[in-house]
Protein backbone atom coordinates (compact mmCIF):
# COMPACT_ATOMS: atom_id res chain seq x y z
CA MET A 1 0.00 0.00 0.00
CA ARG A 2 1.36 3.36 -1.01
CA VAL A 3 0.83 6.35 1.25
CA ARG A 4 0.86 9.87 -0.17
CA ARG A 5 2.35 12.54 2.01
CA PHE A 6 1.39 16.16 1.66
CA GLY A 7 3.59 18.95 2.89
CA ALA A 8 2.57 21.16 5.78
CA GLY A 9 2.53 24.09 3.37
CA ILE A 10 -0.36 22.63 1.39
CA ILE A 11 -2.29 22.00 4.59
CA MET A 12 -1.68 25.60 5.63
CA VAL A 13 -2.86 26.89 2.25
CA ALA A 14 -6.04 24.87 2.63
CA ALA A 15 -6.45 26.33 6.10
CA GLY A 16 -5.92 29.79 4.64
CA ALA A 17 -8.60 29.18 2.06
CA ALA A 18 -10.96 28.06 4.82
CA ALA A 19 -10.06 31.21 6.74
CA VAL A 20 -11.16 33.29 3.76
CA CYS A 21 -14.62 31.82 4.14
CA ALA A 22 -14.68 32.16 7.92
CA ALA A 23 -13.32 35.71 7.99
CA ALA A 24 -16.09 37.10 5.86
CA GLY A 25 -18.67 35.30 7.97
CA GLU A 26 -21.93 34.06 6.56
CA ALA A 27 -21.68 36.47 3.65
CA VAL A 28 -19.10 34.32 1.91
CA ALA A 29 -20.67 32.06 -0.62
CA GLY A 30 -17.94 32.44 -3.23
CA ALA A 31 -18.40 30.52 -6.42
CA PRO A 32 -16.05 27.53 -6.44
CA ILE A 33 -13.95 26.96 -9.53
CA ALA A 34 -12.24 23.68 -10.37
CA GLN A 35 -9.64 23.52 -13.12
CA PRO A 36 -8.17 20.01 -12.80
CA ASP A 37 -6.60 20.26 -16.25
CA GLN A 38 -4.59 23.24 -14.95
CA GLY A 39 -3.92 21.72 -11.53
CA ARG A 40 -5.80 24.21 -9.41
CA VAL A 41 -9.01 24.97 -7.57
CA GLY A 42 -10.31 28.33 -6.58
CA MET A 43 -13.08 30.64 -5.58
CA HIS A 44 -14.57 33.73 -7.18
CA LEU A 45 -15.44 36.23 -4.47
CA SER A 46 -18.24 38.73 -4.98
CA PRO A 47 -17.52 42.44 -4.51
CA GLU A 48 -18.96 42.24 -0.97
CA GLU A 49 -16.82 39.21 -0.14
CA THR A 50 -13.76 40.89 -1.64
CA ARG A 51 -14.28 43.94 0.59
CA ALA A 52 -14.72 41.72 3.64
CA VAL A 53 -11.49 39.84 2.92
CA ALA A 54 -9.59 43.08 2.19
CA SER A 55 -10.57 44.57 5.53
CA GLY A 56 -10.02 41.44 7.61
CA PRO A 57 -7.08 39.36 8.82
CA VAL A 58 -7.05 36.81 5.99
CA PRO A 59 -4.35 38.40 3.79
CA ALA A 60 -1.96 38.60 6.76
CA ILE A 61 -2.72 35.05 7.88
CA VAL A 62 -2.24 33.60 4.39
CA THR A 63 1.04 35.52 3.98
CA MET A 64 2.31 33.97 7.22
CA PHE A 65 2.23 30.57 5.50
CA VAL A 66 2.65 31.38 1.81
CA PRO A 67 5.56 33.71 1.01
CA LEU A 68 4.99 36.43 -1.56
CA ASN A 69 7.45 34.76 -3.96
CA ARG A 70 5.04 31.78 -4.10
CA MET A 71 2.05 33.94 -5.09
CA GLY A 72 1.09 35.22 -8.51
CA ALA A 73 -1.14 38.18 -9.30
CA GLY A 74 -3.16 38.85 -12.43
CA LEU A 75 -3.68 42.58 -12.23
CA HIS A 76 -6.45 44.62 -13.83
CA PRO A 77 -5.20 46.69 -16.81
CA GLU A 78 -5.93 49.90 -14.86
CA THR A 79 -3.99 48.84 -11.76
CA GLU A 80 -1.83 51.30 -9.90
CA ILE A 81 0.29 48.53 -8.39
CA TYR A 82 3.92 48.67 -9.46
CA ARG A 83 5.25 46.02 -11.85
CA ASP A 84 8.94 45.85 -12.66
CA GLU A 85 10.41 45.51 -16.16
CA LYS A 86 10.13 41.70 -15.91
CA GLY A 87 6.45 41.85 -14.96
CA GLY A 88 7.07 41.15 -11.26
CA VAL A 89 4.35 42.51 -8.99
CA HIS A 90 5.55 44.53 -6.02
CA ALA A 91 2.61 44.46 -3.63
CA SER A 92 1.27 42.52 -0.69
CA LEU A 93 -1.69 40.18 -0.93
CA ARG A 94 -3.73 42.76 0.99
CA GLN A 95 -2.83 45.50 -1.52
CA VAL A 96 -3.95 43.35 -4.46
CA VAL A 97 -7.27 42.49 -2.81
CA MET A 98 -7.80 46.02 -1.46
CA GLU A 99 -7.24 47.63 -4.85
CA ALA A 100 -9.96 45.46 -6.39
CA ALA A 101 -12.27 46.11 -3.43
CA GLU A 102 -11.93 49.89 -3.84
CA HIS A 103 -13.37 49.86 -7.38
CA PRO A 104 -17.04 49.56 -8.40
CA GLY A 105 -17.81 45.90 -8.99
CA GLY A 106 -14.33 44.97 -7.78
CA SER A 107 -13.75 41.32 -7.03
CA VAL A 108 -11.02 38.72 -6.98
CA ILE A 109 -10.58 35.12 -7.97
CA VAL A 110 -8.22 33.14 -5.75
CA TYR A 111 -6.68 29.85 -6.87
CA VAL A 112 -4.73 27.27 -4.88
CA ASN A 113 -2.33 25.46 -7.19
CA ALA A 114 -1.30 21.82 -7.02
CA PRO A 115 2.32 21.23 -5.94
CA GLY A 116 4.77 21.43 -8.82
CA THR A 117 2.45 23.36 -11.12
CA ARG A 118 2.26 26.99 -12.23
CA GLY A 119 5.96 27.67 -11.86
CA GLY A 120 6.00 26.71 -8.19
CA ARG A 121 3.35 29.24 -7.20
CA VAL A 122 1.05 28.04 -4.44
CA LEU A 123 -1.53 30.79 -4.76
CA ASP A 124 -2.73 32.94 -7.68
CA ILE A 125 -5.06 35.90 -7.36
CA TYR A 126 -6.76 37.78 -10.19
CA GLN A 127 -8.35 41.23 -9.95
CA SER A 128 -11.50 42.29 -11.76
CA TRP A 129 -13.65 45.43 -11.71
CA ASP A 130 -16.07 47.38 -13.92
């Protein structure tokens, strides 16, 4: 019998994702997204949920377990967040979520990536607004 072992980091990411739901309280009903062909699962947060996450402890808690160099950000074309000449995003998780939350219709999609996929990133977040 073969036993699969998962790293503590993956368990912490799952806990972070659960914290996203808990932090926003009953209001969180985010739409789950499964992309098994791309090795990730995620959740689309509504504008209300995005604001709740931006103003709560979740970004700080997630960052305690997932370093910024293991996160990716898909920024809105009108973002004011700094990107370097190589496309690297220079912002915290809170800044990415907060920027989306501050715009009309602003929301985020958060993905947790399977180990060894997506260039080693554990978490990807995409901004969207009207």
